Protein backbone atom coordinates (compact mmCIF):
# COMPACT_ATOMS: atom_id res chain seq x y z
CA UNK A 1 68.50 64.93 61.27
CA UNK A 2 70.66 65.30 63.93
CA UNK A 3 69.41 68.76 64.59
CA UNK A 4 66.20 67.53 65.97
CA UNK A 5 67.55 65.02 68.03
CA UNK A 6 69.61 68.13 69.59
CA UNK A 7 66.10 70.04 69.84
CA UNK A 8 64.29 66.89 71.29
CA UNK A 9 67.14 66.64 74.05
CA UNK A 10 67.02 70.41 74.47
CA UNK A 11 62.86 69.91 75.34
CA UNK A 12 63.30 66.96 77.46
CA UNK A 13 65.72 68.29 79.83
CA UNK A 14 63.90 71.97 79.92
CA UNK A 15 60.90 70.08 81.68
CA UNK A 16 62.61 67.68 83.65
CA UNK A 17 64.20 71.25 85.28
CA UNK A 18 60.70 72.52 84.76
CA UNK A 19 59.38 69.20 87.22
CA UNK A 20 61.97 70.19 89.36
CA UNK A 21 60.84 73.89 90.47
CA UNK A 22 57.63 72.46 90.36
CA UNK A 23 58.14 70.22 93.34
CA UNK A 24 59.92 73.17 94.78
CA UNK A 25 63.96 72.54 93.93
CA UNK A 26 66.31 73.57 91.58
CA UNK A 27 67.25 72.03 89.27
CA UNK A 28 71.47 72.77 89.52
CA UNK A 29 71.87 72.54 93.16
CA UNK A 30 68.94 70.30 94.46
CA UNK A 31 68.43 73.22 97.56
CA UNK A 32 64.85 74.06 97.66
CA UNK A 33 65.56 77.63 97.21
CA UNK A 34 64.13 78.51 94.09
CA UNK A 35 62.05 81.78 93.73
CA UNK A 36 59.32 82.98 90.84
CA UNK A 37 61.25 86.21 89.74
CA UNK A 38 58.96 87.00 86.98
CA UNK A 39 55.20 86.52 85.16
CA UNK A 40 54.95 87.97 82.08
CA UNK A 41 51.09 87.10 80.49
CA UNK A 42 50.28 87.97 76.61
CA UNK A 43 46.12 87.89 77.81
CA UNK A 44 43.90 85.77 77.93
CA UNK A 45 45.04 82.95 75.23
CA UNK A 46 49.00 82.18 74.47
CA UNK A 47 51.76 81.10 77.28
CA UNK A 48 52.42 82.52 79.99
CA UNK A 49 56.08 83.18 80.54
CA UNK A 50 57.86 82.37 83.90
CA UNK A 51 61.30 83.08 84.88
CA UNK A 52 63.06 81.26 88.51
CA UNK A 53 66.29 81.99 90.28
CA UNK A 54 68.13 80.15 92.61
CA UNK A 55 68.94 81.83 95.36
CA UNK A 56 71.81 79.40 96.61
CA UNK A 57 73.52 78.78 93.66
CA UNK A 58 71.84 81.46 90.84
CA UNK A 59 70.39 79.00 88.34
CA UNK A 60 68.09 81.01 86.39
CA UNK A 61 65.83 80.00 83.50
CA UNK A 62 62.75 80.99 81.76
CA UNK A 63 59.47 78.50 80.89
CA UNK A 64 56.55 79.44 78.64
CA UNK A 65 53.55 77.22 79.78
CA UNK A 66 50.40 76.99 79.14
CA UNK A 67 48.01 80.02 80.56
CA UNK A 68 45.58 78.40 82.39
CA UNK A 69 43.63 81.71 82.90
CA UNK A 70 40.25 81.74 80.47
CA UNK A 71 38.16 84.46 79.13
CA UNK A 72 34.93 82.44 80.15
CA UNK A 73 35.70 82.22 83.72
CA UNK A 74 36.34 85.85 83.91
CA UNK A 75 40.14 85.19 84.43
CA UNK A 76 40.65 87.91 82.09
CA UNK A 77 39.48 91.01 81.50
């Protein structure tokens, strides 16, 4: 049961970090020095892996996000 709470806390923390990055801030040092360093996708379906790095403090993290490309809209070929 304890491991479930740890995992929930981990997911909450990852979401908060991604929210800060979406606003343009590093979640660690809070400077506007975060950059997208890598973006990978498995195609039309499945998650997209985004990697970020802070140029100020060296924070790095990767996030699996829902792929917004759709095969029906011509986004993937």
